[in-house]
Amino acid sequence: MDSSIMKNNYINSKSNTLGIHYVELISEKVTYDNNIGKFVMSYLTPNLSKNEYDTQLPRQSASNVINRDQLSLGVSNITTSNYVELSIPKHLFYITSISVSVYHPGGDSSSTNQANVTIHRMEYTKGQKFLVSNLAGNYDNPVIIGVI
């Protein structure tokens, strides 16, 4: 059997590696100033739960590692989770409204007016769906390209 030829299955199909997919936000809220969110990538792991979880596991023995000094490895425990953290591009946080308030700093109408401008941007909440593409067909580089 020639092991250099992989059978075409779900995970290595061209439509999966090069296609555009839906991902779901599981963070409570993502804003313009904090644009990194946790996402479930159900096109890669369709059987995992959509509820966010992190599981801490104790570090295994390092007896089979050449460098056995536990402190030099820097691993204290292992975390398994069902999400991937991705940054949402800033241009997807479009402006929803702008409010301007004018005030007189001196208290009288003869002083120069000053304005306070507040820009309100879109915020994304849990359950929002985004479009993602794997950069160059590489599963290690998912990039958000749009919002639904």
N, C-alpha and C. Protein backbone atom coordinates (compact mmCIF):
# COMPACT_ATOMS: atom_id res chain seq x y z
N MET A 1 0.84 -1.18 0.00
CA MET A 1 0.00 0.00 0.00
C MET A 1 0.89 1.24 0.00
N ASP A 2 0.57 2.18 -0.86
CA ASP A 2 1.34 3.41 -0.96
C ASP A 2 0.80 4.43 0.04
N SER A 3 1.60 4.75 1.06
CA SER A 3 1.14 5.68 2.09
C SER A 3 1.30 7.14 1.68
N SER A 4 1.91 7.40 0.54
CA SER A 4 2.08 8.79 0.11
C SER A 4 0.79 9.37 -0.49
N ILE A 5 -0.17 8.50 -0.78
CA ILE A 5 -1.44 8.97 -1.36
C ILE A 5 -2.52 8.88 -0.29
N MET A 6 -3.11 10.02 0.03
CA MET A 6 -4.19 10.02 1.02
C MET A 6 -5.53 9.91 0.31
N LYS A 7 -6.41 9.17 0.90
CA LYS A 7 -7.76 9.12 0.37
C LYS A 7 -8.44 10.45 0.61
N ASN A 8 -9.27 10.84 -0.32
CA ASN A 8 -10.00 12.09 -0.17
C ASN A 8 -11.16 11.87 0.79
N ASN A 9 -11.05 12.45 1.99
CA ASN A 9 -12.12 12.34 2.96
C ASN A 9 -12.52 13.74 3.39
N TYR A 10 -13.33 13.82 4.41
CA TYR A 10 -13.90 15.11 4.82
C TYR A 10 -12.82 16.13 5.19
N ILE A 11 -11.86 15.76 6.01
CA ILE A 11 -10.93 16.74 6.54
C ILE A 11 -9.90 17.20 5.52
N ASN A 12 -9.54 16.37 4.53
CA ASN A 12 -8.55 16.83 3.56
C ASN A 12 -9.16 17.12 2.19
N SER A 13 -10.46 17.33 2.14
CA SER A 13 -11.08 17.68 0.87
C SER A 13 -10.78 19.13 0.53
N LYS A 14 -10.72 19.44 -0.74
CA LYS A 14 -10.42 20.81 -1.19
C LYS A 14 -11.47 21.80 -0.71
N SER A 15 -12.73 21.41 -0.69
CA SER A 15 -13.78 22.34 -0.26
C SER A 15 -13.65 22.67 1.22
N ASN A 16 -13.11 21.79 2.02
CA ASN A 16 -12.94 22.06 3.44
C ASN A 16 -11.70 22.92 3.70
N THR A 17 -10.60 22.61 3.02
CA THR A 17 -9.39 23.38 3.26
C THR A 17 -9.42 24.75 2.61
N LEU A 18 -9.99 24.87 1.43
CA LEU A 18 -9.96 26.13 0.70
C LEU A 18 -11.30 26.88 0.71
N GLY A 19 -12.33 26.27 1.26
CA GLY A 19 -13.65 26.89 1.25
C GLY A 19 -13.84 27.93 2.34
N ILE A 20 -15.03 28.53 2.33
CA ILE A 20 -15.42 29.50 3.35
C ILE A 20 -16.40 28.80 4.28
N HIS A 21 -16.22 29.01 5.59
CA HIS A 21 -17.01 28.28 6.58
C HIS A 21 -17.62 29.24 7.60
N TYR A 22 -18.64 28.73 8.29
CA TYR A 22 -19.25 29.46 9.40
C TYR A 22 -18.53 29.09 10.69
N VAL A 23 -18.29 30.09 11.54
CA VAL A 23 -17.83 29.84 12.90
C VAL A 23 -18.74 30.64 13.82
N GLU A 24 -18.90 30.15 15.05
CA GLU A 24 -19.82 30.78 15.99
C GLU A 24 -19.06 31.34 17.18
N LEU A 25 -19.39 32.57 17.55
CA LEU A 25 -18.78 33.23 18.69
C LEU A 25 -19.37 32.66 19.98
N ILE A 26 -18.49 32.26 20.91
CA ILE A 26 -18.98 31.76 22.20
C ILE A 26 -18.54 32.66 23.35
N SER A 27 -17.80 33.73 23.05
CA SER A 27 -17.50 34.75 24.07
C SER A 27 -18.78 35.53 24.34
N GLU A 28 -18.91 36.05 25.55
CA GLU A 28 -20.12 36.81 25.90
C GLU A 28 -20.24 38.08 25.07
N LYS A 29 -19.13 38.83 24.91
CA LYS A 29 -19.17 40.08 24.15
C LYS A 29 -17.79 40.40 23.62
N VAL A 30 -17.72 40.86 22.36
CA VAL A 30 -16.48 41.30 21.75
C VAL A 30 -16.70 42.71 21.23
N THR A 31 -15.77 43.62 21.58
CA THR A 31 -15.91 45.03 21.23
C THR A 31 -14.76 45.47 20.33
N TYR A 32 -14.86 46.70 19.86
CA TYR A 32 -13.82 47.28 19.00
C TYR A 32 -12.49 47.34 19.74
N ASP A 33 -12.51 47.73 21.01
CA ASP A 33 -11.27 47.85 21.78
C ASP A 33 -10.70 46.50 22.18
N ASN A 34 -11.54 45.50 22.36
CA ASN A 34 -11.11 44.15 22.71
C ASN A 34 -11.67 43.21 21.66
N ASN A 35 -10.96 43.10 20.53
CA ASN A 35 -11.52 42.42 19.36
C ASN A 35 -11.14 40.94 19.25
N ILE A 36 -10.69 40.31 20.32
CA ILE A 36 -10.36 38.89 20.28
C ILE A 36 -11.48 38.11 20.95
N GLY A 37 -12.00 37.12 20.24
CA GLY A 37 -13.10 36.32 20.76
C GLY A 37 -12.82 34.83 20.67
N LYS A 38 -13.63 34.07 21.37
CA LYS A 38 -13.53 32.62 21.36
C LYS A 38 -14.57 32.08 20.38
N PHE A 39 -14.13 31.20 19.50
CA PHE A 39 -14.99 30.68 18.45
C PHE A 39 -15.00 29.16 18.42
N VAL A 40 -16.17 28.59 18.12
CA VAL A 40 -16.31 27.16 17.89
C VAL A 40 -16.20 26.95 16.39
N MET A 41 -15.31 26.07 15.99
CA MET A 41 -15.09 25.78 14.57
C MET A 41 -15.72 24.43 14.26
N SER A 42 -17.02 24.42 14.10
CA SER A 42 -17.73 23.15 13.93
C SER A 42 -17.44 22.48 12.59
N TYR A 43 -16.86 23.18 11.64
CA TYR A 43 -16.50 22.51 10.38
C TYR A 43 -15.28 21.61 10.57
N LEU A 44 -14.49 21.84 11.63
CA LEU A 44 -13.36 20.96 11.93
C LEU A 44 -13.71 19.92 12.98
N THR A 45 -14.50 20.33 13.97
CA THR A 45 -14.84 19.45 15.09
C THR A 45 -16.35 19.44 15.28
N PRO A 46 -17.09 18.77 14.41
CA PRO A 46 -18.56 18.84 14.47
C PRO A 46 -19.18 18.19 15.69
N ASN A 47 -18.46 17.32 16.39
CA ASN A 47 -19.05 16.61 17.53
C ASN A 47 -18.80 17.28 18.87
N LEU A 48 -18.00 18.35 18.91
CA LEU A 48 -17.73 19.01 20.18
C LEU A 48 -18.90 19.89 20.60
N SER A 49 -19.03 20.07 21.90
CA SER A 49 -20.09 20.91 22.46
C SER A 49 -19.86 22.37 22.09
N LYS A 50 -20.95 23.12 21.93
CA LYS A 50 -20.84 24.55 21.64
C LYS A 50 -20.80 25.39 22.91
N ASN A 51 -20.82 24.74 24.07
CA ASN A 51 -20.66 25.47 25.33
C ASN A 51 -19.17 25.53 25.63
N GLU A 52 -18.69 26.74 25.92
CA GLU A 52 -17.26 26.95 26.17
C GLU A 52 -16.80 26.15 27.38
N TYR A 53 -15.67 25.48 27.22
CA TYR A 53 -15.08 24.80 28.37
C TYR A 53 -13.56 24.74 28.25
N ASP A 54 -12.91 24.80 29.39
CA ASP A 54 -11.48 24.58 29.54
C ASP A 54 -11.31 23.50 30.59
N THR A 55 -10.54 22.49 30.29
CA THR A 55 -10.28 21.42 31.23
C THR A 55 -8.79 21.41 31.56
N GLN A 56 -8.47 21.52 32.84
CA GLN A 56 -7.08 21.49 33.29
C GLN A 56 -6.70 20.05 33.62
N LEU A 57 -5.62 19.59 33.03
CA LEU A 57 -5.10 18.25 33.30
C LEU A 57 -3.71 18.39 33.91
N PRO A 58 -3.36 17.53 34.86
CA PRO A 58 -2.01 17.61 35.43
C PRO A 58 -0.96 17.22 34.39
N ARG A 59 0.22 17.79 34.54
CA ARG A 59 1.31 17.49 33.63
C ARG A 59 1.78 16.05 33.87
N GLN A 60 2.05 15.38 32.78
CA GLN A 60 2.53 14.00 32.88
C GLN A 60 4.01 13.99 33.27
N SER A 61 4.50 12.85 33.61
CA SER A 61 5.89 12.69 34.00
C SER A 61 6.82 13.05 32.84
N ALA A 62 7.94 13.65 33.17
CA ALA A 62 8.93 14.01 32.16
C ALA A 62 10.08 13.01 32.12
N SER A 63 9.84 11.80 32.58
CA SER A 63 10.92 10.82 32.66
C SER A 63 11.43 10.39 31.29
N ASN A 64 10.62 10.52 30.25
CA ASN A 64 11.06 10.12 28.92
C ASN A 64 11.60 11.30 28.11
N VAL A 65 11.74 12.47 28.74
CA VAL A 65 12.26 13.65 28.06
C VAL A 65 13.73 13.77 28.41
N ILE A 66 14.56 14.10 27.43
CA ILE A 66 16.00 14.20 27.66
C ILE A 66 16.30 15.24 28.73
N ASN A 67 15.69 16.40 28.62
CA ASN A 67 15.89 17.46 29.61
C ASN A 67 14.84 17.27 30.69
N ARG A 68 15.18 16.61 31.78
CA ARG A 68 14.20 16.23 32.80
C ARG A 68 13.96 17.30 33.85
N ASP A 69 14.68 18.40 33.77
CA ASP A 69 14.47 19.47 34.73
C ASP A 69 13.09 20.07 34.48
N GLN A 70 12.16 19.83 35.40
CA GLN A 70 10.77 20.22 35.18
C GLN A 70 10.60 21.72 35.04
N LEU A 71 11.41 22.52 35.69
CA LEU A 71 11.26 23.96 35.61
C LEU A 71 11.70 24.51 34.26
N SER A 72 12.68 23.87 33.62
CA SER A 72 13.16 24.39 32.34
C SER A 72 12.15 24.16 31.22
N LEU A 73 11.28 23.16 31.36
CA LEU A 73 10.27 22.92 30.33
C LEU A 73 9.16 23.96 30.39
N GLY A 74 8.88 24.48 31.56
CA GLY A 74 7.87 25.53 31.70
C GLY A 74 6.44 25.05 31.60
N VAL A 75 6.21 23.77 31.71
CA VAL A 75 4.85 23.23 31.60
C VAL A 75 4.40 22.81 32.99
N SER A 76 3.33 23.44 33.48
CA SER A 76 2.83 23.06 34.80
C SER A 76 1.56 22.21 34.69
N ASN A 77 0.74 22.50 33.70
CA ASN A 77 -0.45 21.68 33.45
C ASN A 77 -0.84 21.81 31.99
N ILE A 78 -1.77 21.00 31.58
CA ILE A 78 -2.23 20.98 30.19
C ILE A 78 -3.69 21.39 30.18
N THR A 79 -4.05 22.27 29.26
CA THR A 79 -5.43 22.73 29.14
C THR A 79 -6.01 22.24 27.82
N THR A 80 -7.15 21.58 27.89
CA THR A 80 -7.87 21.23 26.67
C THR A 80 -9.12 22.10 26.61
N SER A 81 -9.48 22.50 25.42
CA SER A 81 -10.65 23.36 25.26
C SER A 81 -11.32 23.06 23.93
N ASN A 82 -12.50 23.62 23.75
CA ASN A 82 -13.25 23.37 22.52
C ASN A 82 -13.36 24.62 21.66
N TYR A 83 -12.53 25.60 21.90
CA TYR A 83 -12.62 26.85 21.13
C TYR A 83 -11.25 27.29 20.63
N VAL A 84 -11.30 28.23 19.68
CA VAL A 84 -10.10 28.85 19.14
C VAL A 84 -10.28 30.35 19.30
N GLU A 85 -9.24 31.05 19.73
CA GLU A 85 -9.32 32.50 19.85
C GLU A 85 -8.87 33.12 18.53
N LEU A 86 -9.76 33.96 17.97
CA LEU A 86 -9.47 34.67 16.73
C LEU A 86 -9.73 36.15 16.93
N SER A 87 -9.00 36.97 16.20
CA SER A 87 -9.28 38.40 16.26
C SER A 87 -10.22 38.77 15.14
N ILE A 88 -11.22 39.56 15.49
CA ILE A 88 -12.18 40.06 14.50
C ILE A 88 -11.58 41.32 13.90
N PRO A 89 -11.50 41.42 12.58
CA PRO A 89 -10.93 42.62 11.97
C PRO A 89 -11.66 43.88 12.41
N LYS A 90 -10.90 44.95 12.62
CA LYS A 90 -11.46 46.21 13.13
C LYS A 90 -12.51 46.79 12.19
N HIS A 91 -12.38 46.56 10.88
CA HIS A 91 -13.34 47.16 9.95
C HIS A 91 -14.74 46.53 10.05
N LEU A 92 -14.87 45.39 10.73
CA LEU A 92 -16.19 44.78 10.91
C LEU A 92 -16.97 45.41 12.06
N PHE A 93 -16.32 46.24 12.86
CA PHE A 93 -17.00 46.96 13.94
C PHE A 93 -17.46 48.31 13.38
N TYR A 94 -18.48 48.27 12.55
CA TYR A 94 -18.93 49.49 11.90
C TYR A 94 -19.62 50.43 12.90
N ILE A 95 -19.66 51.70 12.53
CA ILE A 95 -20.22 52.73 13.40
C ILE A 95 -21.74 52.65 13.34
N THR A 96 -22.37 52.56 14.51
CA THR A 96 -23.83 52.50 14.58
C THR A 96 -24.44 53.89 14.80
N SER A 97 -23.75 54.74 15.57
CA SER A 97 -24.24 56.10 15.78
C SER A 97 -23.11 56.98 16.31
N ILE A 98 -23.31 58.28 16.14
CA ILE A 98 -22.38 59.27 16.66
C ILE A 98 -23.20 60.28 17.44
N SER A 99 -22.79 60.54 18.67
CA SER A 99 -23.51 61.54 19.46
C SER A 99 -22.56 62.69 19.78
N VAL A 100 -23.09 63.91 19.67
CA VAL A 100 -22.31 65.12 19.92
C VAL A 100 -23.01 65.91 21.01
N SER A 101 -22.27 66.26 22.04
CA SER A 101 -22.83 67.13 23.07
C SER A 101 -21.98 68.40 23.14
N VAL A 102 -22.64 69.54 23.08
CA VAL A 102 -21.97 70.84 23.11
C VAL A 102 -22.13 71.43 24.49
N TYR A 103 -21.03 71.96 25.02
CA TYR A 103 -21.11 72.58 26.34
C TYR A 103 -20.25 73.84 26.37
N HIS A 104 -20.50 74.69 27.35
CA HIS A 104 -19.76 75.92 27.56
C HIS A 104 -18.84 75.72 28.75
N PRO A 105 -17.52 75.68 28.55
CA PRO A 105 -16.62 75.42 29.67
C PRO A 105 -16.61 76.52 30.72
N GLY A 106 -16.86 77.77 30.33
CA GLY A 106 -16.84 78.86 31.29
C GLY A 106 -18.17 79.07 31.98
N GLY A 107 -19.20 78.42 31.54
CA GLY A 107 -20.52 78.55 32.13
C GLY A 107 -21.37 79.65 31.53
N ASP A 108 -20.77 80.56 30.79
CA ASP A 108 -21.57 81.62 30.17
C ASP A 108 -21.59 81.43 28.66
N SER A 109 -22.51 82.07 28.01
CA SER A 109 -22.68 81.89 26.56
C SER A 109 -21.63 82.62 25.75
N SER A 110 -20.82 83.50 26.39
CA SER A 110 -19.80 84.23 25.64
C SER A 110 -18.53 83.41 25.45
N SER A 111 -18.35 82.34 26.22
CA SER A 111 -17.15 81.52 26.08
C SER A 111 -17.26 80.63 24.85
N THR A 112 -16.12 80.10 24.42
CA THR A 112 -16.06 79.25 23.24
C THR A 112 -16.73 77.91 23.52
N ASN A 113 -17.58 77.51 22.62
CA ASN A 113 -18.25 76.22 22.77
C ASN A 113 -17.27 75.08 22.51
N GLN A 114 -17.43 74.02 23.26
CA GLN A 114 -16.64 72.82 23.02
C GLN A 114 -17.59 71.65 22.82
N ALA A 115 -17.16 70.71 21.99
CA ALA A 115 -18.01 69.57 21.69
C ALA A 115 -17.36 68.28 22.17
N ASN A 116 -18.17 67.40 22.67
CA ASN A 116 -17.73 66.07 23.06
C ASN A 116 -18.37 65.08 22.09
N VAL A 117 -17.55 64.41 21.30
CA VAL A 117 -18.05 63.48 20.28
C VAL A 117 -17.86 62.04 20.78
N THR A 118 -18.92 61.26 20.76
CA THR A 118 -18.87 59.86 21.16
C THR A 118 -19.27 59.00 19.97
N ILE A 119 -18.41 58.05 19.64
CA ILE A 119 -18.67 57.15 18.52
C ILE A 119 -19.10 55.80 19.09
N HIS A 120 -20.27 55.33 18.66
CA HIS A 120 -20.79 54.03 19.10
C HIS A 120 -20.57 53.03 17.98
N ARG A 121 -19.92 51.93 18.30
CA ARG A 121 -19.62 50.90 17.30
C ARG A 121 -20.37 49.61 17.59
N MET A 122 -20.47 48.80 16.57
CA MET A 122 -21.11 47.49 16.67
C MET A 122 -20.38 46.64 17.71
N GLU A 123 -21.12 45.91 18.52
CA GLU A 123 -20.56 44.94 19.45
C GLU A 123 -21.16 43.58 19.10
N TYR A 124 -20.35 42.56 19.16
CA TYR A 124 -20.82 41.22 18.83
C TYR A 124 -20.98 40.41 20.11
N THR A 125 -22.08 39.66 20.18
CA THR A 125 -22.38 38.87 21.37
C THR A 125 -22.41 37.39 21.04
N LYS A 126 -22.49 36.60 22.07
CA LYS A 126 -22.49 35.14 21.96
C LYS A 126 -23.54 34.67 20.96
N GLY A 127 -23.13 33.75 20.09
CA GLY A 127 -24.03 33.19 19.10
C GLY A 127 -23.91 33.81 17.72
N GLN A 128 -23.22 34.95 17.60
CA GLN A 128 -23.04 35.61 16.30
C GLN A 128 -22.20 34.71 15.40
N LYS A 129 -22.58 34.62 14.14
CA LYS A 129 -21.86 33.78 13.18
C LYS A 129 -20.97 34.65 12.30
N PHE A 130 -19.80 34.13 12.00
CA PHE A 130 -18.82 34.81 11.15
C PHE A 130 -18.41 33.88 10.03
N LEU A 131 -17.85 34.46 8.98
CA LEU A 131 -17.30 33.69 7.87
C LEU A 131 -15.79 33.61 8.07
N VAL A 132 -15.25 32.41 7.90
CA VAL A 132 -13.82 32.22 8.09
C VAL A 132 -13.26 31.43 6.91
N SER A 133 -12.01 31.73 6.58
CA SER A 133 -11.32 31.00 5.53
C SER A 133 -9.95 30.59 6.06
N ASN A 134 -9.48 29.44 5.63
CA ASN A 134 -8.16 28.98 6.03
C ASN A 134 -7.14 29.55 5.06
N LEU A 135 -6.24 30.38 5.56
CA LEU A 135 -5.26 31.04 4.72
C LEU A 135 -4.39 30.02 4.02
N ALA A 136 -4.40 30.02 2.70
CA ALA A 136 -3.65 29.11 1.84
C ALA A 136 -4.01 27.64 2.10
N GLY A 137 -5.23 27.40 2.58
CA GLY A 137 -5.66 26.03 2.83
C GLY A 137 -5.04 25.41 4.05
N ASN A 138 -4.44 26.21 4.92
CA ASN A 138 -3.77 25.72 6.11
C ASN A 138 -4.70 25.88 7.31
N TYR A 139 -5.00 24.80 8.00
CA TYR A 139 -5.90 24.84 9.15
C TYR A 139 -5.33 25.65 10.32
N ASP A 140 -4.03 25.88 10.32
CA ASP A 140 -3.40 26.64 11.39
C ASP A 140 -3.62 28.15 11.25
N ASN A 141 -4.13 28.60 10.11
CA ASN A 141 -4.29 30.03 9.87
C ASN A 141 -5.73 30.39 9.49
N PRO A 142 -6.69 30.20 10.38
CA PRO A 142 -8.05 30.64 10.05
C PRO A 142 -8.16 32.16 10.18
N VAL A 143 -8.82 32.77 9.21
CA VAL A 143 -8.94 34.23 9.18
C VAL A 143 -10.42 34.59 9.02
N ILE A 144 -10.91 35.48 9.86
CA ILE A 144 -12.29 35.94 9.73
C ILE A 144 -12.34 36.93 8.58
N ILE A 145 -13.28 36.67 7.64
CA ILE A 145 -13.37 37.53 6.46
C ILE A 145 -14.72 38.23 6.36
N GLY A 146 -15.66 37.90 7.23
CA GLY A 146 -16.96 38.54 7.17
C GLY A 146 -17.83 38.17 8.36
N VAL A 147 -18.97 38.84 8.44
CA VAL A 147 -19.92 38.61 9.53
C VAL A 147 -21.28 38.39 8.90
N ILE A 148 -22.09 37.57 9.54
CA ILE A 148 -23.44 37.29 9.04
C ILE A 148 -24.44 38.03 9.91
